[in-house]
Amino acid sequence: MATEFTERKRWLFFGLPFTFTRYRIRENMITIESGLLKKVENDCYMYKVQDVELVASLAERLVGVGTVVCYTGDTTHPRLELVHVKRAKEIKDFILEASEAARMKRRTLNTLDIGAQTEEPED
């Protein structure tokens, strides 16, 4: 299994990579670089990824691409999308395994807020 993926956002038109968005997925971090005139680079640590989803419409499946959606605890991108990437299933599986390994390495625990809050008594 690969330890790093570098992929470009692609058009749905034949899956051609004529965009200015690049995704770099490593064992400890996901980086999104976008823009032509104004470059924007955004990172998300793997241990913050809580769940991963693969979405592939009929048009995406026809050209061999998919969208990987990462639900994270990151402030800037709580829903991080890797849009129209090739090898989407491979990337999704890699992120799932790498995020679990990163949480184990950092000894981080994911918890879910179910809204069960206790009310403080009034004086």
PDB file of N, CA and C in Angstrom:
ATOM      1  N   MET A   1       0.837  -1.184   0.000  1.00  0.00           N
ATOM      2  CA  MET A   1       0.000   0.000   0.000  1.00  0.00           C
ATOM      3  C   MET A   1       0.883   1.250   0.000  1.00  0.00           C
ATOM      4  N   ALA A   2       0.443   2.261  -0.723  1.00  0.00           N
ATOM      5  CA  ALA A   2       1.210   3.497  -0.821  1.00  0.00           C
ATOM      6  C   ALA A   2       1.220   4.240   0.514  1.00  0.00           C
ATOM      7  N   THR A   3       2.276   5.032   0.722  1.00  0.00           N
ATOM      8  CA  THR A   3       2.348   5.837   1.942  1.00  0.00           C
ATOM      9  C   THR A   3       2.024   7.293   1.659  1.00  0.00           C
ATOM     10  N   GLU A   4       1.820   7.624   0.393  1.00  0.00           N
ATOM     11  CA  GLU A   4       1.480   8.994   0.038  1.00  0.00           C
ATOM     12  C   GLU A   4       0.761   9.006  -1.305  1.00  0.00           C
ATOM     13  N   PHE A   5      -0.246   9.851  -1.432  1.00  0.00           N
ATOM     14  CA  PHE A   5      -0.963  10.049  -2.689  1.00  0.00           C
ATOM     15  C   PHE A   5      -0.869  11.516  -3.056  1.00  0.00           C
ATOM     16  N   THR A   6      -0.608  11.798  -4.326  1.00  0.00           N
ATOM     17  CA  THR A   6      -0.703  13.153  -4.846  1.00  0.00           C
ATOM     18  C   THR A   6      -1.673  13.079  -6.004  1.00  0.00           C
ATOM     19  N   GLU A   7      -2.726  13.863  -5.927  1.00  0.00           N
ATOM     20  CA  GLU A   7      -3.791  13.787  -6.922  1.00  0.00           C
ATOM     21  C   GLU A   7      -4.296  15.185  -7.222  1.00  0.00           C
ATOM     22  N   ARG A   8      -4.837  15.373  -8.412  1.00  0.00           N
ATOM     23  CA  ARG A   8      -5.420  16.652  -8.815  1.00  0.00           C
ATOM     24  C   ARG A   8      -6.928  16.524  -8.885  1.00  0.00           C
ATOM     25  N   LYS A   9      -7.596  17.638  -8.587  1.00  0.00           N
ATOM     26  CA  LYS A   9      -9.033  17.704  -8.837  1.00  0.00           C
ATOM     27  C   LYS A   9      -9.205  17.656 -10.346  1.00  0.00           C
ATOM     28  N   ARG A  10     -10.196  16.911 -10.798  1.00  0.00           N
ATOM     29  CA  ARG A  10     -10.382  16.737 -12.237  1.00  0.00           C
ATOM     30  C   ARG A  10     -11.740  17.250 -12.678  1.00  0.00           C
ATOM     31  N   TRP A  11     -11.839  17.566 -13.953  1.00  0.00           N
ATOM     32  CA  TRP A  11     -13.117  17.894 -14.551  1.00  0.00           C
ATOM     33  C   TRP A  11     -13.884  16.603 -14.737  1.00  0.00           C
ATOM     34  N   LEU A  12     -15.189  16.695 -14.775  1.00  0.00           N
ATOM     35  CA  LEU A  12     -15.983  15.514 -15.107  1.00  0.00           C
ATOM     36  C   LEU A  12     -15.906  15.219 -16.598  1.00  0.00           C
ATOM     37  N   PHE A  13     -15.457  16.189 -17.386  1.00  0.00           N
ATOM     38  CA  PHE A  13     -15.303  16.009 -18.834  1.00  0.00           C
ATOM     39  C   PHE A  13     -14.104  15.109 -19.095  1.00  0.00           C
ATOM     40  N   PHE A  14     -14.332  13.838 -19.244  1.00  0.00           N
ATOM     41  CA  PHE A  14     -13.310  12.811 -19.481  1.00  0.00           C
ATOM     42  C   PHE A  14     -12.314  12.660 -18.333  1.00  0.00           C
ATOM     43  N   GLY A  15     -12.578  13.251 -17.179  1.00  0.00           N
ATOM     44  CA  GLY A  15     -11.688  13.105 -16.026  1.00  0.00           C
ATOM     45  C   GLY A  15     -10.341  13.779 -16.210  1.00  0.00           C
ATOM     46  N   LEU A  16     -10.305  14.859 -16.976  1.00  0.00           N
ATOM     47  CA  LEU A  16      -9.035  15.545 -17.262  1.00  0.00           C
ATOM     48  C   LEU A  16      -8.635  16.458 -16.098  1.00  0.00           C
ATOM     49  N   PRO A  17      -7.348  16.469 -15.731  1.00  0.00           N
ATOM     50  CA  PRO A  17      -6.882  17.263 -14.571  1.00  0.00           C
ATOM     51  C   PRO A  17      -6.524  18.709 -14.923  1.00  0.00           C
ATOM     52  N   PHE A  18      -7.455  19.461 -15.494  1.00  0.00           N
ATOM     53  CA  PHE A  18      -7.188  20.843 -15.884  1.00  0.00           C
ATOM     54  C   PHE A  18      -7.669  21.832 -14.835  1.00  0.00           C
ATOM     55  N   THR A  19      -7.402  21.556 -13.582  1.00  0.00           N
ATOM     56  CA  THR A  19      -7.776  22.474 -12.513  1.00  0.00           C
ATOM     57  C   THR A  19      -6.521  22.872 -11.746  1.00  0.00           C
ATOM     58  N   PHE A  20      -6.662  23.832 -10.866  1.00  0.00           N
ATOM     59  CA  PHE A  20      -5.528  24.307 -10.089  1.00  0.00           C
ATOM     60  C   PHE A  20      -5.643  23.883  -8.631  1.00  0.00           C
ATOM     61  N   THR A  21      -6.251  22.723  -8.415  1.00  0.00           N
ATOM     62  CA  THR A  21      -6.362  22.171  -7.066  1.00  0.00           C
ATOM     63  C   THR A  21      -5.607  20.858  -7.012  1.00  0.00           C
ATOM     64  N   ARG A  22      -4.714  20.760  -6.023  1.00  0.00           N
ATOM     65  CA  ARG A  22      -3.913  19.548  -5.852  1.00  0.00           C
ATOM     66  C   ARG A  22      -4.090  19.037  -4.425  1.00  0.00           C
ATOM     67  N   TYR A  23      -4.273  17.727  -4.304  1.00  0.00           N
ATOM     68  CA  TYR A  23      -4.422  17.079  -3.005  1.00  0.00           C
ATOM     69  C   TYR A  23      -3.181  16.245  -2.730  1.00  0.00           C
ATOM     70  N   ARG A  24      -2.663  16.348  -1.504  1.00  0.00           N
ATOM     71  CA  ARG A  24      -1.518  15.536  -1.097  1.00  0.00           C
ATOM     72  C   ARG A  24      -1.914  14.832   0.198  1.00  0.00           C
ATOM     73  N   ILE A  25      -1.994  13.511   0.146  1.00  0.00           N
ATOM     74  CA  ILE A  25      -2.431  12.726   1.300  1.00  0.00           C
ATOM     75  C   ILE A  25      -1.237  11.918   1.789  1.00  0.00           C
ATOM     76  N   ARG A  26      -0.808  12.230   3.016  1.00  0.00           N
ATOM     77  CA  ARG A  26       0.320  11.520   3.631  1.00  0.00           C
ATOM     78  C   ARG A  26      -0.159  10.808   4.879  1.00  0.00           C
ATOM     79  N   GLU A  27       0.709  10.052   5.510  1.00  0.00           N
ATOM     80  CA  GLU A  27       0.336   9.283   6.693  1.00  0.00           C
ATOM     81  C   GLU A  27      -0.115  10.155   7.855  1.00  0.00           C
ATOM     82  N   ASN A  28       0.393  11.385   7.937  1.00  0.00           N
ATOM     83  CA  ASN A  28       0.054  12.229   9.088  1.00  0.00           C
ATOM     84  C   ASN A  28      -0.745  13.484   8.734  1.00  0.00           C
ATOM     85  N   MET A  29      -0.970  13.756   7.428  1.00  0.00           N
ATOM     86  CA  MET A  29      -1.602  15.022   7.068  1.00  0.00           C
ATOM     87  C   MET A  29      -2.222  14.969   5.674  1.00  0.00           C
ATOM     88  N   ILE A  30      -3.307  15.724   5.509  1.00  0.00           N
ATOM     89  CA  ILE A  30      -3.922  15.948   4.195  1.00  0.00           C
ATOM     90  C   ILE A  30      -3.704  17.422   3.865  1.00  0.00           C
ATOM     91  N   THR A  31      -3.170  17.706   2.685  1.00  0.00           N
ATOM     92  CA  THR A  31      -2.910  19.079   2.260  1.00  0.00           C
ATOM     93  C   THR A  31      -3.671  19.353   0.974  1.00  0.00           C
ATOM     94  N   ILE A  32      -4.362  20.496   0.938  1.00  0.00           N
ATOM     95  CA  ILE A  32      -5.066  20.934  -0.263  1.00  0.00           C
ATOM     96  C   ILE A  32      -4.440  22.248  -0.705  1.00  0.00           C
ATOM     97  N   GLU A  33      -3.916  22.267  -1.926  1.00  0.00           N
ATOM     98  CA  GLU A  33      -3.361  23.488  -2.512  1.00  0.00           C
ATOM     99  C   GLU A  33      -4.279  23.883  -3.658  1.00  0.00           C
ATOM    100  N   SER A  34      -4.731  25.144  -3.663  1.00  0.00           N
ATOM    101  CA  SER A  34      -5.623  25.575  -4.733  1.00  0.00           C
ATOM    102  C   SER A  34      -5.286  26.995  -5.165  1.00  0.00           C
ATOM    103  N   GLY A  35      -5.719  27.327  -6.373  1.00  0.00           N
ATOM    104  CA  GLY A  35      -5.565  28.680  -6.877  1.00  0.00           C
ATOM    105  C   GLY A  35      -4.488  28.817  -7.933  1.00  0.00           C
ATOM    106  N   LEU A  36      -4.663  29.813  -8.786  1.00  0.00           N
ATOM    107  CA  LEU A  36      -3.686  30.123  -9.820  1.00  0.00           C
ATOM    108  C   LEU A  36      -2.988  31.428  -9.479  1.00  0.00           C
ATOM    109  N   LEU A  37      -3.754  32.497  -9.341  1.00  0.00           N
ATOM    110  CA  LEU A  37      -3.166  33.790  -9.000  1.00  0.00           C
ATOM    111  C   LEU A  37      -2.989  33.942  -7.498  1.00  0.00           C
ATOM    112  N   LYS A  38      -3.957  33.471  -6.750  1.00  0.00           N
ATOM    113  CA  LYS A  38      -3.876  33.502  -5.294  1.00  0.00           C
ATOM    114  C   LYS A  38      -3.807  32.059  -4.809  1.00  0.00           C
ATOM    115  N   LYS A  39      -2.661  31.657  -4.309  1.00  0.00           N
ATOM    116  CA  LYS A  39      -2.467  30.287  -3.838  1.00  0.00           C
ATOM    117  C   LYS A  39      -2.969  30.159  -2.408  1.00  0.00           C
ATOM    118  N   VAL A  40      -3.747  29.118  -2.139  1.00  0.00           N
ATOM    119  CA  VAL A  40      -4.242  28.823  -0.800  1.00  0.00           C
ATOM    120  C   VAL A  40      -3.830  27.391  -0.469  1.00  0.00           C
ATOM    121  N   GLU A  41      -3.202  27.217   0.681  1.00  0.00           N
ATOM    122  CA  GLU A  41      -2.795  25.885   1.129  1.00  0.00           C
ATOM    123  C   GLU A  41      -3.436  25.625   2.480  1.00  0.00           C
ATOM    124  N   ASN A  42      -4.119  24.493   2.592  1.00  0.00           N
ATOM    125  CA  ASN A  42      -4.805  24.154   3.830  1.00  0.00           C
ATOM    126  C   ASN A  42      -4.429  22.734   4.235  1.00  0.00           C
ATOM    127  N   ASP A  43      -4.130  22.543   5.516  1.00  0.00           N
ATOM    128  CA  ASP A  43      -3.727  21.236   6.028  1.00  0.00           C
ATOM    129  C   ASP A  43      -4.724  20.742   7.058  1.00  0.00           C
ATOM    130  N   CYS A  44      -4.843  19.424   7.142  1.00  0.00           N
ATOM    131  CA  CYS A  44      -5.647  18.791   8.179  1.00  0.00           C
ATOM    132  C   CYS A  44      -4.868  17.578   8.671  1.00  0.00           C
ATOM    133  N   TYR A  45      -4.603  17.525   9.969  1.00  0.00           N
ATOM    134  CA  TYR A  45      -3.887  16.380  10.529  1.00  0.00           C
ATOM    135  C   TYR A  45      -4.758  15.138  10.490  1.00  0.00           C
ATOM    136  N   MET A  46      -4.165  14.004  10.224  1.00  0.00           N
ATOM    137  CA  MET A  46      -4.892  12.744  10.104  1.00  0.00           C
ATOM    138  C   MET A  46      -5.637  12.367  11.376  1.00  0.00           C
ATOM    139  N   TYR A  47      -5.073  12.686  12.526  1.00  0.00           N
ATOM    140  CA  TYR A  47      -5.731  12.279  13.760  1.00  0.00           C
ATOM    141  C   TYR A  47      -7.061  12.999  13.962  1.00  0.00           C
ATOM    142  N   LYS A  48      -7.291  14.096  13.216  1.00  0.00           N
ATOM    143  CA  LYS A  48      -8.545  14.832  13.326  1.00  0.00           C
ATOM    144  C   LYS A  48      -9.650  14.261  12.440  1.00  0.00           C
ATOM    145  N   VAL A  49      -9.292  13.371  11.510  1.00  0.00           N
ATOM    146  CA  VAL A  49     -10.293  12.765  10.628  1.00  0.00           C
ATOM    147  C   VAL A  49     -11.092  11.751  11.427  1.00  0.00           C
ATOM    148  N   GLN A  50     -12.408  11.953  11.478  1.00  0.00           N
ATOM    149  CA  GLN A  50     -13.276  11.089  12.274  1.00  0.00           C
ATOM    150  C   GLN A  50     -13.986  10.043  11.437  1.00  0.00           C
ATOM    151  N   ASP A  51     -14.346  10.394  10.198  1.00  0.00           N
ATOM    152  CA  ASP A  51     -15.034   9.454   9.329  1.00  0.00           C
ATOM    153  C   ASP A  51     -14.742   9.825   7.887  1.00  0.00           C
ATOM    154  N   VAL A  52     -14.817   8.823   6.999  1.00  0.00           N
ATOM    155  CA  VAL A  52     -14.519   9.036   5.585  1.00  0.00           C
ATOM    156  C   VAL A  52     -15.639   8.406   4.761  1.00  0.00           C
ATOM    157  N   GLU A  53     -16.023   9.105   3.693  1.00  0.00           N
ATOM    158  CA  GLU A  53     -17.109   8.633   2.842  1.00  0.00           C
ATOM    159  C   GLU A  53     -16.669   8.752   1.388  1.00  0.00           C
ATOM    160  N   LEU A  54     -17.055   7.792   0.569  1.00  0.00           N
ATOM    161  CA  LEU A  54     -16.776   7.836  -0.869  1.00  0.00           C
ATOM    162  C   LEU A  54     -18.091   8.066  -1.591  1.00  0.00           C
ATOM    163  N   VAL A  55     -18.143   9.119  -2.418  1.00  0.00           N
ATOM    164  CA  VAL A  55     -19.335   9.447  -3.191  1.00  0.00           C
ATOM    165  C   VAL A  55     -18.936   9.439  -4.659  1.00  0.00           C
ATOM    166  N   ALA A  56     -19.677   8.684  -5.478  1.00  0.00           N
ATOM    167  CA  ALA A  56     -19.381   8.636  -6.907  1.00  0.00           C
ATOM    168  C   ALA A  56     -20.696   8.631  -7.680  1.00  0.00           C
ATOM    169  N   SER A  57     -20.977   9.739  -8.328  1.00  0.00           N
ATOM    170  CA  SER A  57     -22.186   9.830  -9.156  1.00  0.00           C
ATOM    171  C   SER A  57     -21.991   8.972 -10.402  1.00  0.00           C
ATOM    172  N   LEU A  58     -23.051   8.816 -11.182  1.00  0.00           N
ATOM    173  CA  LEU A  58     -22.959   8.030 -12.411  1.00  0.00           C
ATOM    174  C   LEU A  58     -21.920   8.634 -13.353  1.00  0.00           C
ATOM    175  N   ALA A  59     -21.949   9.963 -13.497  1.00  0.00           N
ATOM    176  CA  ALA A  59     -20.981  10.632 -14.376  1.00  0.00           C
ATOM    177  C   ALA A  59     -19.550  10.414 -13.882  1.00  0.00           C
ATOM    178  N   GLU A  60     -19.331  10.485 -12.552  1.00  0.00           N
ATOM    179  CA  GLU A  60     -17.994  10.255 -11.999  1.00  0.00           C
ATOM    180  C   GLU A  60     -17.543   8.817 -12.265  1.00  0.00           C
ATOM    181  N   ARG A  61     -18.450   7.867 -12.082  1.00  0.00           N
ATOM    182  CA  ARG A  61     -18.092   6.461 -12.312  1.00  0.00           C
ATOM    183  C   ARG A  61     -17.753   6.213 -13.773  1.00  0.00           C
ATOM    184  N   LEU A  62     -18.450   6.879 -14.691  1.00  0.00           N
ATOM    185  CA  LEU A  62     -18.178   6.696 -16.123  1.00  0.00           C
ATOM    186  C   LEU A  62     -16.773   7.144 -16.508  1.00  0.00           C
ATOM    187  N   VAL A  63     -16.266   8.196 -15.863  1.00  0.00           N
ATOM    188  CA  VAL A  63     -14.921   8.680 -16.201  1.00  0.00           C
ATOM    189  C   VAL A  63     -13.862   8.169 -15.226  1.00  0.00           C
ATOM    190  N   GLY A  64     -14.267   7.359 -14.240  1.00  0.00           N
ATOM    191  CA  GLY A  64     -13.300   6.727 -13.343  1.00  0.00           C
ATOM    192  C   GLY A  64     -12.787   7.608 -12.223  1.00  0.00           C
ATOM    193  N   VAL A  65     -13.629   8.516 -11.723  1.00  0.00           N
ATOM    194  CA  VAL A  65     -13.236   9.362 -10.603  1.00  0.00           C
ATOM    195  C   VAL A  65     -14.293   9.249  -9.507  1.00  0.00           C
ATOM    196  N   GLY A  66     -13.995   9.828  -8.359  1.00  0.00           N
ATOM    197  CA  GLY A  66     -14.935   9.851  -7.239  1.00  0.00           C
ATOM    198  C   GLY A  66     -14.584  10.996  -6.313  1.00  0.00           C
ATOM    199  N   THR A  67     -15.456  11.247  -5.352  1.00  0.00           N
ATOM    200  CA  THR A  67     -15.229  12.305  -4.367  1.00  0.00           C
ATOM    201  C   THR A  67     -15.107  11.660  -2.996  1.00  0.00           C
ATOM    202  N   VAL A  68     -13.994  11.927  -2.308  1.00  0.00           N
ATOM    203  CA  VAL A  68     -13.762  11.408  -0.965  1.00  0.00           C
ATOM    204  C   VAL A  68     -14.099  12.524   0.016  1.00  0.00           C
ATOM    205  N   VAL A  69     -15.043  12.252   0.920  1.00  0.00           N
ATOM    206  CA  VAL A  69     -15.470  13.248   1.902  1.00  0.00           C
ATOM    207  C   VAL A  69     -14.953  12.818   3.272  1.00  0.00           C
ATOM    208  N   CYS A  70     -14.175  13.697   3.915  1.00  0.00           N
ATOM    209  CA  CYS A  70     -13.628  13.428   5.246  1.00  0.00           C
ATOM    210  C   CYS A  70     -14.347  14.326   6.247  1.00  0.00           C
ATOM    211  N   TYR A  71     -14.933  13.719   7.256  1.00  0.00           N
ATOM    212  CA  TYR A  71     -15.556  14.474   8.338  1.00  0.00           C
ATOM    213  C   TYR A  71     -14.509  14.600   9.436  1.00  0.00           C
ATOM    214  N   THR A  72     -14.154  15.848   9.760  1.00  0.00           N
ATOM    215  CA  THR A  72     -13.009  16.081  10.638  1.00  0.00           C
ATOM    216  C   THR A  72     -13.386  16.955  11.830  1.00  0.00           C
ATOM    217  N   GLY A  73     -12.467  17.021  12.758  1.00  0.00           N
ATOM    218  CA  GLY A  73     -12.578  17.932  13.889  1.00  0.00           C
ATOM    219  C   GLY A  73     -11.799  19.202  13.624  1.00  0.00           C
ATOM    220  N   ASP A  74     -11.436  19.446  12.371  1.00  0.00           N
ATOM    221  CA  ASP A  74     -10.662  20.621  11.976  1.00  0.00           C
ATOM    222  C   ASP A  74     -11.572  21.849  11.917  1.00  0.00           C
ATOM    223  N   THR A  75     -11.071  22.988  12.344  1.00  0.00           N
ATOM    224  CA  THR A  75     -11.904  24.198  12.389  1.00  0.00           C
ATOM    225  C   THR A  75     -12.175  24.761  10.997  1.00  0.00           C
ATOM    226  N   THR A  76     -11.182  24.773  10.134  1.00  0.00           N
ATOM    227  CA  THR A  76     -11.360  25.385   8.821  1.00  0.00           C
ATOM    228  C   THR A  76     -12.124  24.493   7.850  1.00  0.00           C
ATOM    229  N   HIS A  77     -12.007  23.183   7.990  1.00  0.00           N
ATOM    230  CA  HIS A  77     -12.704  22.254   7.092  1.00  0.00           C
ATOM    231  C   HIS A  77     -13.329  21.100   7.871  1.00  0.00           C
ATOM    232  N   PRO A  78     -14.479  21.318   8.495  1.00  0.00           N
ATOM    233  CA  PRO A  78     -15.113  20.192   9.200  1.00  0.00           C
ATOM    234  C   PRO A  78     -15.588  19.107   8.227  1.00  0.00           C
ATOM    235  N   ARG A  79     -15.841  19.503   6.972  1.00  0.00           N
ATOM    236  CA  ARG A  79     -16.213  18.548   5.924  1.00  0.00           C
ATOM    237  C   ARG A  79     -15.243  18.766   4.772  1.00  0.00           C
ATOM    238  N   LEU A  80     -14.183  17.989   4.762  1.00  0.00           N
ATOM    239  CA  LEU A  80     -13.097  18.137   3.797  1.00  0.00           C
ATOM    240  C   LEU A  80     -13.388  17.262   2.586  1.00  0.00           C
ATOM    241  N   GLU A  81     -13.468  17.853   1.397  1.00  0.00           N
ATOM    242  CA  GLU A  81     -13.795  17.100   0.191  1.00  0.00           C
ATOM    243  C   GLU A  81     -12.606  17.048  -0.756  1.00  0.00           C
ATOM    244  N   LEU A  82     -12.286  15.850  -1.194  1.00  0.00           N
ATOM    245  CA  LEU A  82     -11.301  15.641  -2.248  1.00  0.00           C
ATOM    246  C   LEU A  82     -12.133  15.322  -3.490  1.00  0.00           C
ATOM    247  N   VAL A  83     -12.366  16.337  -4.311  1.00  0.00           N
ATOM    248  CA  VAL A  83     -13.356  16.281  -5.377  1.00  0.00           C
ATOM    249  C   VAL A  83     -12.770  15.717  -6.663  1.00  0.00           C
ATOM    250  N   HIS A  84     -13.504  14.784  -7.285  1.00  0.00           N
ATOM    251  CA  HIS A  84     -13.186  14.197  -8.588  1.00  0.00           C
ATOM    252  C   HIS A  84     -11.747  13.689  -8.667  1.00  0.00           C
ATOM    253  N   VAL A  85     -11.370  12.771  -7.792  1.00  0.00           N
ATOM    254  CA  VAL A  85     -10.015  12.218  -7.805  1.00  0.00           C
ATOM    255  C   VAL A  85     -10.031  10.802  -8.356  1.00  0.00           C
ATOM    256  N   LYS A  86      -8.965  10.448  -9.034  1.00  0.00           N
ATOM    257  CA  LYS A  86      -8.791   9.063  -9.478  1.00  0.00           C
ATOM    258  C   LYS A  86      -8.357   8.231  -8.271  1.00  0.00           C
ATOM    259  N   ARG A  87      -8.534   6.932  -8.333  1.00  0.00           N
ATOM    260  CA  ARG A  87      -8.190   5.995  -7.249  1.00  0.00           C
ATOM    261  C   ARG A  87      -8.883   6.398  -5.943  1.00  0.00           C
ATOM    262  N   ALA A  88     -10.123   6.861  -6.042  1.00  0.00           N
ATOM    263  CA  ALA A  88     -10.848   7.378  -4.879  1.00  0.00           C
ATOM    264  C   ALA A  88     -11.033   6.303  -3.801  1.00  0.00           C
ATOM    265  N   LYS A  89     -11.330   5.071  -4.183  1.00  0.00           N
ATOM    266  CA  LYS A  89     -11.521   3.988  -3.208  1.00  0.00           C
ATOM    267  C   LYS A  89     -10.217   3.721  -2.459  1.00  0.00           C
ATOM    268  N   GLU A  90      -9.115   3.691  -3.191  1.00  0.00           N
ATOM    269  CA  GLU A  90      -7.794   3.482  -2.585  1.00  0.00           C
ATOM    270  C   GLU A  90      -7.463   4.602  -1.597  1.00  0.00           C
ATOM    271  N   ILE A  91      -7.748   5.833  -1.990  1.00  0.00           N
ATOM    272  CA  ILE A  91      -7.473   6.996  -1.146  1.00  0.00           C
ATOM    273  C   ILE A  91      -8.346   6.962   0.110  1.00  0.00           C
ATOM    274  N   LYS A  92      -9.621   6.625  -0.050  1.00  0.00           N
ATOM    275  CA  LYS A  92     -10.531   6.537   1.102  1.00  0.00           C
ATOM    276  C   LYS A  92     -10.032   5.498   2.104  1.00  0.00           C
ATOM    277  N   ASP A  93      -9.659   4.327   1.618  1.00  0.00           N
ATOM    278  CA  ASP A  93      -9.158   3.270   2.503  1.00  0.00           C
ATOM    279  C   ASP A  93      -7.868   3.695   3.195  1.00  0.00           C
ATOM    280  N   PHE A  94      -6.989   4.369   2.460  1.00  0.00           N
ATOM    281  CA  PHE A  94      -5.735   4.844   3.036  1.00  0.00           C
ATOM    282  C   PHE A  94      -5.999   5.849   4.160  1.00  0.00           C
ATOM    283  N   ILE A  95      -6.913   6.783   3.921  1.00  0.00           N
ATOM    284  CA  ILE A  95      -7.220   7.801   4.935  1.00  0.00           C
ATOM    285  C   ILE A  95      -7.818   7.152   6.180  1.00  0.00           C
ATOM    286  N   LEU A  96      -8.716   6.185   5.989  1.00  0.00           N
ATOM    287  CA  LEU A  96      -9.305   5.482   7.133  1.00  0.00           C
ATOM    288  C   LEU A  96      -8.235   4.821   8.004  1.00  0.00           C
ATOM    289  N   GLU A  97      -7.334   4.082   7.354  1.00  0.00           N
ATOM    290  CA  GLU A  97      -6.275   3.388   8.095  1.00  0.00           C
ATOM    291  C   GLU A  97      -5.287   4.362   8.718  1.00  0.00           C
ATOM    292  N   ALA A  98      -4.888   5.385   7.963  1.00  0.00           N
ATOM    293  CA  ALA A  98      -3.903   6.346   8.462  1.00  0.00           C
ATOM    294  C   ALA A  98      -4.471   7.176   9.604  1.00  0.00           C
ATOM    295  N   SER A  99      -5.755   7.531   9.535  1.00  0.00           N
ATOM    296  CA  SER A  99      -6.346   8.324  10.608  1.00  0.00           C
ATOM    297  C   SER A  99      -6.449   7.506  11.892  1.00  0.00           C
ATOM    298  N   GLU A 100      -6.796   6.238  11.759  1.00  0.00           N
ATOM    299  CA  GLU A 100      -6.861   5.374  12.949  1.00  0.00           C
ATOM    300  C   GLU A 100      -5.471   5.192  13.560  1.00  0.00           C
ATOM    301  N   ALA A 101      -4.466   4.979  12.714  1.00  0.00           N
ATOM    302  CA  ALA A 101      -3.090   4.823  13.199  1.00  0.00           C
ATOM    303  C   ALA A 101      -2.597   6.111  13.868  1.00  0.00           C
ATOM    304  N   ALA A 102      -2.947   7.263  13.296  1.00  0.00           N
ATOM    305  CA  ALA A 102      -2.522   8.548  13.870  1.00  0.00           C
ATOM    306  C   ALA A 102      -3.174   8.775  15.228  1.00  0.00           C
ATOM    307  N   ARG A 103      -4.455   8.403  15.358  1.00  0.00           N
ATOM    308  CA  ARG A 103      -5.125   8.539  16.660  1.00  0.00           C
ATOM    309  C   ARG A 103      -4.502   7.616  17.696  1.00  0.00           C
ATOM    310  N   MET A 104      -4.178   6.392  17.303  1.00  0.00           N
ATOM    311  CA  MET A 104      -3.546   5.452  18.232  1.00  0.00           C
ATOM    312  C   MET A 104      -2.160   5.955  18.647  1.00  0.00           C
ATOM    313  N   LYS A 105      -1.426   6.509  17.691  1.00  0.00           N
ATOM    314  CA  LYS A 105      -0.087   7.017  17.975  1.00  0.00           C
ATOM    315  C   LYS A 105      -0.136   8.195  18.945  1.00  0.00           C
ATOM    316  N   ARG A 106      -1.116   9.073  18.774  1.00  0.00           N
ATOM    317  CA  ARG A 106      -1.253  10.245  19.642  1.00  0.00           C
ATOM    318  C   ARG A 106      -2.082   9.958  20.884  1.00  0.00           C
ATOM    319  N   ARG A 107      -2.622   8.744  20.931  1.00  0.00           N
ATOM    320  CA  ARG A 107      -3.514   8.337  22.028  1.00  0.00           C
ATOM    321  C   ARG A 107      -4.690   9.296  22.146  1.00  0.00           C
ATOM    322  N   THR A 108      -5.289   9.598  20.997  1.00  0.00           N
ATOM    323  CA  THR A 108      -6.428  10.500  20.914  1.00  0.00           C
ATOM    324  C   THR A 108      -7.706   9.676  20.838  1.00  0.00           C
ATOM    325  N   LEU A 109      -8.743  10.140  21.501  1.00  0.00           N
ATOM    326  CA  LEU A 109     -10.020   9.450  21.516  1.00  0.00           C
ATOM    327  C   LEU A 109     -11.072  10.340  20.875  1.00  0.00           C
ATOM    328  N   ASN A 110     -11.851   9.778  19.939  1.00  0.00           N
ATOM    329  CA  ASN A 110     -12.971  10.524  19.352  1.00  0.00           C
ATOM    330  C   ASN A 110     -14.196  10.321  20.216  1.00  0.00           C
ATOM    331  N   THR A 111     -14.842  11.397  20.564  1.00  0.00           N
ATOM    332  CA  THR A 111     -16.082  11.293  21.318  1.00  0.00           C
ATOM    333  C   THR A 111     -17.185  11.994  20.549  1.00  0.00           C
ATOM    334  N   LEU A 112     -18.402  11.649  20.854  1.00  0.00           N
ATOM    335  CA  LEU A 112     -19.548  12.209  20.169  1.00  0.00           C
ATOM    336  C   LEU A 112     -20.386  12.976  21.169  1.00  0.00           C
ATOM    337  N   ASP A 113     -20.710  14.220  20.838  1.00  0.00           N
ATOM    338  CA  ASP A 113     -21.560  15.033  21.700  1.00  0.00           C
ATOM    339  C   ASP A 113     -23.007  14.703  21.363  1.00  0.00           C
ATOM    340  N   ILE A 114     -23.718  14.057  22.279  1.00  0.00           N
ATOM    341  CA  ILE A 114     -25.105  13.675  22.025  1.00  0.00           C
ATOM    342  C   ILE A 114     -26.088  14.654  22.622  1.00  0.00           C
ATOM    343  N   GLY A 115     -25.594  15.765  23.115  1.00  0.00           N
ATOM    344  CA  GLY A 115     -26.452  16.817  23.625  1.00  0.00           C
ATOM    345  C   GLY A 115     -26.989  16.576  25.018  1.00  0.00           C
ATOM    346  N   ALA A 116     -26.428  15.634  25.739  1.00  0.00           N
ATOM    347  CA  ALA A 116     -26.882  15.346  27.100  1.00  0.00           C
ATOM    348  C   ALA A 116     -26.119  16.239  28.062  1.00  0.00           C
ATOM    349  N   GLN A 117     -26.655  17.412  28.295  1.00  0.00           N
ATOM    350  CA  GLN A 117     -26.003  18.356  29.177  1.00  0.00           C
ATOM    351  C   GLN A 117     -26.792  18.447  30.475  1.00  0.00           C
ATOM    352  N   THR A 118     -26.079  18.574  31.540  1.00  0.00           N
ATOM    353  CA  THR A 118     -26.755  18.704  32.828  1.00  0.00           C
ATOM    354  C   THR A 118     -27.021  20.173  33.096  1.00  0.00           C
ATOM    355  N   GLU A 119     -28.166  20.439  33.644  1.00  0.00           N
ATOM    356  CA  GLU A 119     -28.505  21.818  33.969  1.00  0.00           C
ATOM    357  C   GLU A 119     -27.996  22.135  35.364  1.00  0.00           C
ATOM    358  N   GLU A 120     -27.461  23.324  35.495  1.00  0.00           N
ATOM    359  CA  GLU A 120     -26.964  23.741  36.801  1.00  0.00           C
ATOM    360  C   GLU A 120     -28.136  24.253  37.622  1.00  0.00           C
ATOM    361  N   PRO A 121     -28.190  23.885  38.908  1.00  0.00           N
ATOM    362  CA  PRO A 121     -29.303  24.358  39.741  1.00  0.00           C
ATOM    363  C   PRO A 121     -29.204  25.852  39.981  1.00  0.00           C
ATOM    364  N   GLU A 122     -30.377  26.475  40.011  1.00  0.00           N
ATOM    365  CA  GLU A 122     -30.421  27.928  40.256  1.00  0.00           C
ATOM    366  C   GLU A 122     -30.348  28.178  41.756  1.00  0.00           C
ATOM    367  N   ASP A 123     -29.710  29.257  42.149  1.00  0.00           N
ATOM    368  CA  ASP A 123     -29.591  29.608  43.575  1.00  0.00           C
ATOM    369  C   ASP A 123     -30.831  30.251  44.108  1.00  0.00           C
TER     370      ASP A 123
END
